[in-house]
Amino acid sequence: MPQKIVYQGEAGAYSHLACSQFYPSHEAVACMSFAKAFAQVRSGQAHLAMIPVENTVAGRVSDIYHLLPQGGLHIIGERYFPVHHQLLGVRGAKLSDIRQARSHHMALGQVRNFLGAHDIDAIVDVDTAGAAKKIAKSGDKRIAAVASRLAAETYGLEILAEDIEDAAHNTTRFILLADKPLVPAIDVPSVSSFVFKVRSVPSALYKALGGFASNGLNLTKLESYMVGGSFTAAQFYADVEGHIDSPQMKMALEELAFFSENITHLGTYPMDSARLAKP
């Protein structure tokens, strides 16, 4: 019996496509929320979760940064997935018929130019494949969905316009989550992810991050968000290119700890080949 990999959304979602591409031997299972996907892995009902964290056009998937610190899971990998959006309509519809396009807000943010050029109103829906499913049920030729080719096949829709994303580099970064850490060998090019909260003293963040610079470590992502119902208590998520057991990382974390509290190591995992190929 194949192991299960869970994703958020309906069948045909881009996360479903990513699961199929990177883990074809696993059974891809849909979950209605990110929290549900986390719970499935935490309980042992699924082996992995494929979770989107950011897109090169639309930016971050904000919900994830609140779930990761308390989610009880470990990041064991990252995958860069090129995203190509299709405009999907019911059988017999034409592009000129379309007055509205429904999709997840992240997808709509990646096709603004196309929708504007065709005077199509963007309507936010729960997810891309869910929007496609609704369009198929409605039978309305005036409404389209922005979704994947897989969604078109799954729900019997026609592709009215192909590859409508505004930027050719449109790529989503996914992380792989498991219930146990899987740290690569120290000589494998790796990324380490953390969450931490800085102490409430002047220049604390500047000083806390100084150790990464002085030890030659590349900080590729830093996200802040409020915690504890206060505008003065900020928590940070960080991705650092480096192995958790390297001497440089250990020294950087010592300095981080001096100015921070509640440091949580979310995972050290191999870099995706796209990151290795950067100029």
C-alpha atoms as a PDB file:
ATOM      1  CA  MET A   1       0.000   0.000   0.000  1.00  0.00           C
ATOM      2  CA  PRO A   2       1.544   3.366  -1.017  1.00  0.00           C
ATOM      3  CA  GLN A   3       2.423   5.975   1.589  1.00  0.00           C
ATOM      4  CA  LYS A   4       0.246   9.081   1.644  1.00  0.00           C
ATOM      5  CA  ILE A   5       1.250  12.674   0.968  1.00  0.00           C
ATOM      6  CA  VAL A   6      -1.327  15.333   1.866  1.00  0.00           C
ATOM      7  CA  TYR A   7      -1.934  18.768   0.387  1.00  0.00           C
ATOM      8  CA  GLN A   8      -4.376  21.618   0.932  1.00  0.00           C
ATOM      9  CA  GLY A   9      -7.165  22.025  -1.613  1.00  0.00           C
ATOM     10  CA  GLU A  10      -9.318  20.016  -3.979  1.00  0.00           C
ATOM     11  CA  ALA A  11      -8.149  17.404  -6.456  1.00  0.00           C
ATOM     12  CA  GLY A  12      -6.445  19.189  -9.350  1.00  0.00           C
ATOM     13  CA  ALA A  13      -4.854  21.905  -7.186  1.00  0.00           C
ATOM     14  CA  TYR A  14      -1.287  22.976  -7.901  1.00  0.00           C
ATOM     15  CA  SER A  15      -0.238  21.314  -4.667  1.00  0.00           C
ATOM     16  CA  HIS A  16      -1.755  18.101  -6.050  1.00  0.00           C
ATOM     17  CA  LEU A  17       0.334  18.554  -9.204  1.00  0.00           C
ATOM     18  CA  ALA A  18       3.479  19.110  -7.113  1.00  0.00           C
ATOM     19  CA  CYS A  19       2.791  15.942  -5.111  1.00  0.00           C
ATOM     20  CA  SER A  20       2.350  13.940  -8.309  1.00  0.00           C
ATOM     21  CA  GLN A  21       5.513  15.314  -9.884  1.00  0.00           C
ATOM     22  CA  PHE A  22       7.891  15.007  -6.948  1.00  0.00           C
ATOM     23  CA  TYR A  23       6.391  11.974  -5.155  1.00  0.00           C
ATOM     24  CA  PRO A  24       4.706   9.863  -7.855  1.00  0.00           C
ATOM     25  CA  SER A  25       4.909   6.686  -5.749  1.00  0.00           C
ATOM     26  CA  HIS A  26       2.845   8.278  -2.933  1.00  0.00           C
ATOM     27  CA  GLU A  27      -0.934   8.523  -2.800  1.00  0.00           C
ATOM     28  CA  ALA A  28      -1.853  12.225  -2.929  1.00  0.00           C
ATOM     29  CA  VAL A  29      -4.683  13.043  -0.510  1.00  0.00           C
ATOM     30  CA  ALA A  30      -6.610  16.337  -0.437  1.00  0.00           C
ATOM     31  CA  CYS A  31      -7.239  18.269   2.802  1.00  0.00           C
ATOM     32  CA  MET A  32      -9.602  21.219   3.131  1.00  0.00           C
ATOM     33  CA  SER A  33      -7.171  23.282   5.232  1.00  0.00           C
ATOM     34  CA  PHE A  34      -3.482  23.571   6.022  1.00  0.00           C
ATOM     35  CA  ALA A  35      -4.256  22.757   9.659  1.00  0.00           C
ATOM     36  CA  LYS A  36      -5.936  19.516   8.577  1.00  0.00           C
ATOM     37  CA  ALA A  37      -2.901  18.577   6.467  1.00  0.00           C
ATOM     38  CA  PHE A  38      -0.616  19.171   9.472  1.00  0.00           C
ATOM     39  CA  ALA A  39      -2.884  17.056  11.677  1.00  0.00           C
ATOM     40  CA  GLN A  40      -2.896  14.154   9.195  1.00  0.00           C
ATOM     41  CA  VAL A  41       0.912  13.930   9.303  1.00  0.00           C
ATOM     42  CA  ARG A  42       1.105  14.499  13.042  1.00  0.00           C
ATOM     43  CA  SER A  43      -1.336  11.635  13.693  1.00  0.00           C
ATOM     44  CA  GLY A  44       0.485   9.255  11.364  1.00  0.00           C
ATOM     45  CA  GLN A  45      -2.374   9.042   8.859  1.00  0.00           C
ATOM     46  CA  ALA A  46      -0.060  10.516   6.216  1.00  0.00           C
ATOM     47  CA  HIS A  47       3.686  10.267   5.691  1.00  0.00           C
ATOM     48  CA  LEU A  48       4.336  13.764   4.255  1.00  0.00           C
ATOM     49  CA  ALA A  49       2.667  17.117   3.619  1.00  0.00           C
ATOM     50  CA  MET A  50       3.397  19.263   0.551  1.00  0.00           C
ATOM     51  CA  ILE A  51       2.851  22.878   1.640  1.00  0.00           C
ATOM     52  CA  PRO A  52       3.327  26.089  -0.433  1.00  0.00           C
ATOM     53  CA  VAL A  53       5.152  28.893   1.378  1.00  0.00           C
ATOM     54  CA  GLU A  54       5.875  31.554  -1.252  1.00  0.00           C
ATOM     55  CA  ASN A  55       5.530  32.501  -4.899  1.00  0.00           C
ATOM     56  CA  THR A  56       7.853  34.627  -7.027  1.00  0.00           C
ATOM     57  CA  VAL A  57       4.955  36.840  -8.191  1.00  0.00           C
ATOM     58  CA  ALA A  58       2.338  36.853  -5.420  1.00  0.00           C
ATOM     59  CA  GLY A  59       4.658  36.601  -2.393  1.00  0.00           C
ATOM     60  CA  ARG A  60       4.235  34.604   0.785  1.00  0.00           C
ATOM     61  CA  VAL A  61       1.470  32.236   1.878  1.00  0.00           C
ATOM     62  CA  SER A  62       0.943  33.956   5.208  1.00  0.00           C
ATOM     63  CA  ASP A  63      -1.080  31.250   7.010  1.00  0.00           C
ATOM     64  CA  ILE A  64       1.867  28.869   7.034  1.00  0.00           C
ATOM     65  CA  TYR A  65       4.145  31.014   9.184  1.00  0.00           C
ATOM     66  CA  HIS A  66       1.602  30.929  12.009  1.00  0.00           C
ATOM     67  CA  LEU A  67       1.170  27.151  11.750  1.00  0.00           C
ATOM     68  CA  LEU A  68       4.811  26.086  11.568  1.00  0.00           C
ATOM     69  CA  PRO A  69       5.960  26.974  15.126  1.00  0.00           C
ATOM     70  CA  GLN A  70       3.114  25.070  16.816  1.00  0.00           C
ATOM     71  CA  GLY A  71       2.510  22.483  14.096  1.00  0.00           C
ATOM     72  CA  GLY A  72       4.739  19.812  15.631  1.00  0.00           C
ATOM     73  CA  LEU A  73       6.256  18.881  12.250  1.00  0.00           C
ATOM     74  CA  HIS A  74       9.725  19.109  10.712  1.00  0.00           C
ATOM     75  CA  ILE A  75      10.776  20.496   7.342  1.00  0.00           C
ATOM     76  CA  ILE A  76      12.658  17.765   5.472  1.00  0.00           C
ATOM     77  CA  GLY A  77      12.810  19.212   1.963  1.00  0.00           C
ATOM     78  CA  GLU A  78      11.966  22.039  -0.422  1.00  0.00           C
ATOM     79  CA  ARG A  79      10.713  21.929  -4.004  1.00  0.00           C
ATOM     80  CA  TYR A  80      10.526  24.724  -6.574  1.00  0.00           C
ATOM     81  CA  PHE A  81       7.509  24.244  -8.846  1.00  0.00           C
ATOM     82  CA  PRO A  82       6.938  26.356 -12.011  1.00  0.00           C
ATOM     83  CA  VAL A  83       3.268  27.389 -12.136  1.00  0.00           C
ATOM     84  CA  HIS A  84       1.339  27.772 -15.397  1.00  0.00           C
ATOM     85  CA  HIS A  85      -2.212  29.077 -15.063  1.00  0.00           C
ATOM     86  CA  GLN A  86      -5.027  28.213 -17.457  1.00  0.00           C
ATOM     87  CA  LEU A  87      -8.341  30.003 -17.889  1.00  0.00           C
ATOM     88  CA  LEU A  88     -10.978  27.277 -17.658  1.00  0.00           C
ATOM     89  CA  GLY A  89     -14.593  27.464 -18.811  1.00  0.00           C
ATOM     90  CA  VAL A  90     -17.510  25.120 -19.297  1.00  0.00           C
ATOM     91  CA  ARG A  91     -17.990  23.247 -22.551  1.00  0.00           C
ATOM     92  CA  GLY A  92     -18.925  25.591 -25.388  1.00  0.00           C
ATOM     93  CA  ALA A  93     -17.704  28.773 -23.655  1.00  0.00           C
ATOM     94  CA  LYS A  94     -15.394  31.212 -25.460  1.00  0.00           C
ATOM     95  CA  LEU A  95     -12.906  33.695 -24.052  1.00  0.00           C
ATOM     96  CA  SER A  96     -15.144  36.545 -25.207  1.00  0.00           C
ATOM     97  CA  ASP A  97     -17.986  35.186 -23.038  1.00  0.00           C
ATOM     98  CA  ILE A  98     -16.066  35.448 -19.770  1.00  0.00           C
ATOM     99  CA  ARG A  99     -16.991  38.267 -17.372  1.00  0.00           C
ATOM    100  CA  GLN A 100     -15.629  36.847 -14.102  1.00  0.00           C
ATOM    101  CA  ALA A 101     -12.747  34.567 -13.130  1.00  0.00           C
ATOM    102  CA  ARG A 102     -12.720  32.731  -9.813  1.00  0.00           C
ATOM    103  CA  SER A 103      -9.634  31.373  -8.043  1.00  0.00           C
ATOM    104  CA  HIS A 104      -7.495  31.496  -4.912  1.00  0.00           C
ATOM    105  CA  HIS A 105      -6.242  35.008  -4.182  1.00  0.00           C
ATOM    106  CA  MET A 106      -2.622  33.936  -4.740  1.00  0.00           C
ATOM    107  CA  ALA A 107      -3.452  32.685  -8.255  1.00  0.00           C
ATOM    108  CA  LEU A 108      -5.465  35.803  -9.095  1.00  0.00           C
ATOM    109  CA  GLY A 109      -2.481  37.910  -8.044  1.00  0.00           C
ATOM    110  CA  GLN A 110      -0.374  36.089 -10.628  1.00  0.00           C
ATOM    111  CA  VAL A 111      -2.705  36.813 -13.609  1.00  0.00           C
ATOM    112  CA  ARG A 112      -3.694  40.458 -12.999  1.00  0.00           C
ATOM    113  CA  ASN A 113      -2.406  41.696 -16.354  1.00  0.00           C
ATOM    114  CA  PHE A 114      -4.270  39.059 -18.353  1.00  0.00           C
ATOM    115  CA  LEU A 115      -7.560  39.625 -16.534  1.00  0.00           C
ATOM    116  CA  GLY A 116      -7.246  43.387 -16.865  1.00  0.00           C
ATOM    117  CA  ALA A 117      -6.487  43.184 -20.580  1.00  0.00           C
ATOM    118  CA  HIS A 118      -9.670  41.133 -21.136  1.00  0.00           C
ATOM    119  CA  ASP A 119     -11.870  43.150 -18.760  1.00  0.00           C
ATOM    120  CA  ILE A 120     -12.492  40.110 -16.546  1.00  0.00           C
ATOM    121  CA  ASP A 121     -13.365  40.683 -12.879  1.00  0.00           C
ATOM    122  CA  ALA A 122     -11.359  38.656 -10.354  1.00  0.00           C
ATOM    123  CA  ILE A 123     -13.437  36.833  -7.721  1.00  0.00           C
ATOM    124  CA  VAL A 124     -11.606  35.278  -4.771  1.00  0.00           C
ATOM    125  CA  ASP A 125     -12.411  31.646  -4.024  1.00  0.00           C
ATOM    126  CA  VAL A 126     -11.093  29.138  -1.479  1.00  0.00           C
ATOM    127  CA  ASP A 127      -8.653  27.490  -3.882  1.00  0.00           C
ATOM    128  CA  THR A 128      -7.917  27.025  -7.582  1.00  0.00           C
ATOM    129  CA  ALA A 129      -9.301  23.527  -8.050  1.00  0.00           C
ATOM    130  CA  GLY A 130     -12.295  24.296  -5.843  1.00  0.00           C
ATOM    131  CA  ALA A 131     -13.132  27.192  -8.133  1.00  0.00           C
ATOM    132  CA  ALA A 132     -12.886  24.891 -11.154  1.00  0.00           C
ATOM    133  CA  LYS A 133     -15.217  22.407  -9.482  1.00  0.00           C
ATOM    134  CA  LYS A 134     -17.811  25.145  -8.850  1.00  0.00           C
ATOM    135  CA  ILE A 135     -17.619  26.397 -12.442  1.00  0.00           C
ATOM    136  CA  ALA A 136     -18.188  22.878 -13.762  1.00  0.00           C
ATOM    137  CA  LYS A 137     -21.290  22.488 -11.576  1.00  0.00           C
ATOM    138  CA  SER A 138     -22.691  25.918 -12.447  1.00  0.00           C
ATOM    139  CA  GLY A 139     -22.632  25.494 -16.221  1.00  0.00           C
ATOM    140  CA  ASP A 140     -22.386  29.298 -16.548  1.00  0.00           C
ATOM    141  CA  LYS A 141     -20.477  30.316 -19.696  1.00  0.00           C
ATOM    142  CA  ARG A 142     -19.801  33.804 -18.292  1.00  0.00           C
ATOM    143  CA  ILE A 143     -17.667  32.588 -15.379  1.00  0.00           C
ATOM    144  CA  ALA A 144     -14.231  30.969 -15.627  1.00  0.00           C
ATOM    145  CA  ALA A 145     -11.697  29.540 -13.203  1.00  0.00           C
ATOM    146  CA  VAL A 146      -7.958  30.199 -13.053  1.00  0.00           C
ATOM    147  CA  ALA A 147      -6.520  26.770 -12.377  1.00  0.00           C
ATOM    148  CA  SER A 148      -4.314  23.959 -13.665  1.00  0.00           C
ATOM    149  CA  ARG A 149      -4.519  21.616 -16.644  1.00  0.00           C
ATOM    150  CA  LEU A 150      -5.123  18.822 -14.144  1.00  0.00           C
ATOM    151  CA  ALA A 151      -8.158  20.715 -12.828  1.00  0.00           C
ATOM    152  CA  ALA A 152      -9.489  21.006 -16.391  1.00  0.00           C
ATOM    153  CA  GLU A 153      -9.146  17.247 -16.858  1.00  0.00           C
ATOM    154  CA  THR A 154     -10.576  16.460 -13.421  1.00  0.00           C
ATOM    155  CA  TYR A 155     -13.733  18.565 -13.788  1.00  0.00           C
ATOM    156  CA  GLY A 156     -14.335  18.346 -17.550  1.00  0.00           C
ATOM    157  CA  LEU A 157     -13.620  21.990 -18.355  1.00  0.00           C
ATOM    158  CA  GLU A 158     -12.180  23.566 -21.508  1.00  0.00           C
ATOM    159  CA  ILE A 159      -8.986  25.609 -21.560  1.00  0.00           C
ATOM    160  CA  LEU A 160     -10.018  28.988 -22.990  1.00  0.00           C
ATOM    161  CA  ALA A 161      -6.564  30.582 -22.664  1.00  0.00           C
ATOM    162  CA  GLU A 162      -3.239  28.883 -21.928  1.00  0.00           C
ATOM    163  CA  ASP A 163      -0.375  29.911 -19.647  1.00  0.00           C
ATOM    164  CA  ILE A 164      -1.889  33.259 -18.642  1.00  0.00           C
ATOM    165  CA  GLU A 165       0.521  33.984 -15.776  1.00  0.00           C
ATOM    166  CA  ASP A 166       1.960  37.516 -15.879  1.00  0.00           C
ATOM    167  CA  ALA A 167       5.591  36.426 -15.469  1.00  0.00           C
ATOM    168  CA  ALA A 168       7.490  33.572 -17.098  1.00  0.00           C
ATOM    169  CA  HIS A 169       9.417  32.985 -13.853  1.00  0.00           C
ATOM    170  CA  ASN A 170       6.197  32.304 -11.919  1.00  0.00           C
ATOM    171  CA  THR A 171       7.324  29.661  -9.409  1.00  0.00           C
ATOM    172  CA  THR A 172       5.989  28.421  -6.089  1.00  0.00           C
ATOM    173  CA  ARG A 173       8.286  27.140  -3.382  1.00  0.00           C
ATOM    174  CA  PHE A 174       6.907  24.170  -1.463  1.00  0.00           C
ATOM    175  CA  ILE A 175       8.235  22.648   1.736  1.00  0.00           C
ATOM    176  CA  LEU A 176       7.930  18.966   2.679  1.00  0.00           C
ATOM    177  CA  LEU A 177       6.831  18.287   6.244  1.00  0.00           C
ATOM    178  CA  ALA A 178       7.188  15.062   8.242  1.00  0.00           C
ATOM    179  CA  ASP A 179       6.627  14.047  11.852  1.00  0.00           C
ATOM    180  CA  LYS A 180      10.348  13.364  12.389  1.00  0.00           C
ATOM    181  CA  PRO A 181      13.430  15.337  11.297  1.00  0.00           C
ATOM    182  CA  LEU A 182      15.541  14.026   8.430  1.00  0.00           C
ATOM    183  CA  VAL A 183      18.843  15.923   8.548  1.00  0.00           C
ATOM    184  CA  PRO A 184      21.172  15.378   5.555  1.00  0.00           C
ATOM    185  CA  ALA A 185      24.897  14.696   5.834  1.00  0.00           C
ATOM    186  CA  ILE A 186      26.920  17.760   6.733  1.00  0.00           C
ATOM    187  CA  ASP A 187      28.541  17.940   3.275  1.00  0.00           C
ATOM    188  CA  VAL A 188      25.161  18.205   1.504  1.00  0.00           C
ATOM    189  CA  PRO A 189      24.270  21.821   0.507  1.00  0.00           C
ATOM    190  CA  SER A 190      21.463  22.576   2.932  1.00  0.00           C
ATOM    191  CA  VAL A 191      18.966  25.118   4.217  1.00  0.00           C
ATOM    192  CA  SER A 192      18.138  25.491   7.912  1.00  0.00           C
ATOM    193  CA  SER A 193      14.864  27.063   9.059  1.00  0.00           C
ATOM    194  CA  PHE A 194      14.111  28.637  12.450  1.00  0.00           C
ATOM    195  CA  VAL A 195      11.555  30.682  14.312  1.00  0.00           C
ATOM    196  CA  PHE A 196      12.608  33.003  17.132  1.00  0.00           C
ATOM    197  CA  LYS A 197      11.520  36.049  19.100  1.00  0.00           C
ATOM    198  CA  VAL A 198      14.001  38.838  19.816  1.00  0.00           C
ATOM    199  CA  ARG A 199      14.376  40.369  23.235  1.00  0.00           C
ATOM    200  CA  SER A 200      12.734  43.761  23.770  1.00  0.00           C
ATOM    201  CA  VAL A 201      15.938  45.835  23.721  1.00  0.00           C
ATOM    202  CA  PRO A 202      17.191  48.454  21.216  1.00  0.00           C
ATOM    203  CA  SER A 203      18.770  47.014  18.022  1.00  0.00           C
ATOM    204  CA  ALA A 204      18.039  43.462  19.168  1.00  0.00           C
ATOM    205  CA  LEU A 205      17.182  42.157  15.685  1.00  0.00           C
ATOM    206  CA  TYR A 206      20.235  43.791  14.121  1.00  0.00           C
ATOM    207  CA  LYS A 207      22.481  42.259  16.767  1.00  0.00           C
ATOM    208  CA  ALA A 208      20.741  38.877  16.712  1.00  0.00           C
ATOM    209  CA  LEU A 209      21.300  38.493  12.966  1.00  0.00           C
ATOM    210  CA  GLY A 210      24.868  39.749  13.030  1.00  0.00           C
ATOM    211  CA  GLY A 211      26.219  36.268  13.684  1.00  0.00           C
ATOM    212  CA  PHE A 212      24.993  35.036  10.312  1.00  0.00           C
ATOM    213  CA  ALA A 213      26.840  37.831   8.509  1.00  0.00           C
ATOM    214  CA  SER A 214      30.079  37.461  10.485  1.00  0.00           C
ATOM    215  CA  ASN A 215      30.086  33.707   9.839  1.00  0.00           C
ATOM    216  CA  GLY A 216      29.457  34.015   6.094  1.00  0.00           C
ATOM    217  CA  LEU A 217      25.949  32.507   6.135  1.00  0.00           C
ATOM    218  CA  ASN A 218      23.360  33.651   3.602  1.00  0.00           C
ATOM    219  CA  LEU A 219      20.026  34.597   5.185  1.00  0.00           C
ATOM    220  CA  THR A 220      17.583  34.062   2.300  1.00  0.00           C
ATOM    221  CA  LYS A 221      14.281  34.688   4.054  1.00  0.00           C
ATOM    222  CA  LEU A 222      13.132  36.640   7.101  1.00  0.00           C
ATOM    223  CA  GLU A 223       9.435  36.985   7.931  1.00  0.00           C
ATOM    224  CA  SER A 224       7.958  38.763  10.934  1.00  0.00           C
ATOM    225  CA  TYR A 225       4.488  38.473  12.425  1.00  0.00           C
ATOM    226  CA  MET A 226       2.819  39.477  15.675  1.00  0.00           C
ATOM    227  CA  VAL A 227       2.232  36.945  18.456  1.00  0.00           C
ATOM    228  CA  GLY A 228       0.459  36.923  21.795  1.00  0.00           C
ATOM    229  CA  GLY A 229      -2.063  39.629  20.921  1.00  0.00           C
ATOM    230  CA  SER A 230       0.527  42.386  21.189  1.00  0.00           C
ATOM    231  CA  PHE A 231       1.948  44.844  18.668  1.00  0.00           C
ATOM    232  CA  THR A 232       5.251  44.803  20.575  1.00  0.00           C
ATOM    233  CA  ALA A 233       5.939  41.051  20.465  1.00  0.00           C
ATOM    234  CA  ALA A 234       7.174  39.995  17.017  1.00  0.00           C
ATOM    235  CA  GLN A 235       8.193  36.484  16.042  1.00  0.00           C
ATOM    236  CA  PHE A 236      10.503  35.845  13.108  1.00  0.00           C
ATOM    237  CA  TYR A 237      10.834  33.013  10.625  1.00  0.00           C
ATOM    238  CA  ALA A 238      14.234  32.627   8.952  1.00  0.00           C
ATOM    239  CA  ASP A 239      15.757  30.459   6.202  1.00  0.00           C
ATOM    240  CA  VAL A 240      19.548  30.275   6.252  1.00  0.00           C
ATOM    241  CA  GLU A 241      21.748  28.538   3.696  1.00  0.00           C
ATOM    242  CA  GLY A 242      23.866  26.279   5.864  1.00  0.00           C
ATOM    243  CA  HIS A 243      23.858  23.040   7.846  1.00  0.00           C
ATOM    244  CA  ILE A 244      22.711  22.994  11.455  1.00  0.00           C
ATOM    245  CA  ASP A 245      25.856  21.090  12.530  1.00  0.00           C
ATOM    246  CA  SER A 246      28.416  23.286  10.749  1.00  0.00           C
ATOM    247  CA  PRO A 247      30.792  25.328  12.947  1.00  0.00           C
ATOM    248  CA  GLN A 248      29.603  28.547  11.268  1.00  0.00           C
ATOM    249  CA  MET A 249      25.946  27.819  12.037  1.00  0.00           C
ATOM    250  CA  LYS A 250      26.697  26.895  15.631  1.00  0.00           C
ATOM    251  CA  MET A 251      28.513  30.196  16.201  1.00  0.00           C
ATOM    252  CA  ALA A 252      25.741  32.176  14.491  1.00  0.00           C
ATOM    253  CA  LEU A 253      23.098  30.508  16.650  1.00  0.00           C
ATOM    254  CA  GLU A 254      25.052  31.278  19.812  1.00  0.00           C
ATOM    255  CA  GLU A 255      24.884  34.963  18.927  1.00  0.00           C
ATOM    256  CA  LEU A 256      21.207  34.673  17.963  1.00  0.00           C
ATOM    257  CA  ALA A 257      20.443  33.092  21.349  1.00  0.00           C
ATOM    258  CA  PHE A 258      22.122  35.942  23.211  1.00  0.00           C
ATOM    259  CA  PHE A 259      19.629  38.467  21.840  1.00  0.00           C
ATOM    260  CA  SER A 260      16.630  36.177  21.271  1.00  0.00           C
ATOM    261  CA  GLU A 261      14.351  33.713  23.016  1.00  0.00           C
ATOM    262  CA  ASN A 262      12.182  30.744  22.067  1.00  0.00           C
ATOM    263  CA  ILE A 263      14.426  29.664  19.186  1.00  0.00           C
ATOM    264  CA  THR A 264      12.880  26.659  17.420  1.00  0.00           C
ATOM    265  CA  HIS A 265      14.758  24.708  14.758  1.00  0.00           C
ATOM    266  CA  LEU A 266      12.142  23.678  12.187  1.00  0.00           C
ATOM    267  CA  GLY A 267      14.444  21.620  10.022  1.00  0.00           C
ATOM    268  CA  THR A 268      17.666  21.290   8.030  1.00  0.00           C
ATOM    269  CA  TYR A 269      17.127  19.875   4.542  1.00  0.00           C
ATOM    270  CA  PRO A 270      18.818  19.621   1.130  1.00  0.00           C
ATOM    271  CA  MET A 271      18.625  22.646  -1.169  1.00  0.00           C
ATOM    272  CA  ASP A 272      16.409  22.276  -4.198  1.00  0.00           C
ATOM    273  CA  SER A 273      18.341  22.048  -7.471  1.00  0.00           C
ATOM    274  CA  ALA A 274      16.853  25.412  -8.537  1.00  0.00           C
ATOM    275  CA  ARG A 275      18.483  27.097  -5.548  1.00  0.00           C
ATOM    276  CA  LEU A 276      21.802  25.432  -6.361  1.00  0.00           C
ATOM    277  CA  ALA A 277      21.562  26.693  -9.947  1.00  0.00           C
ATOM    278  CA  LYS A 278      21.143  30.368  -8.971  1.00  0.00           C
ATOM    279  CA  PRO A 279      23.634  32.802 -10.585  1.00  0.00           C
END
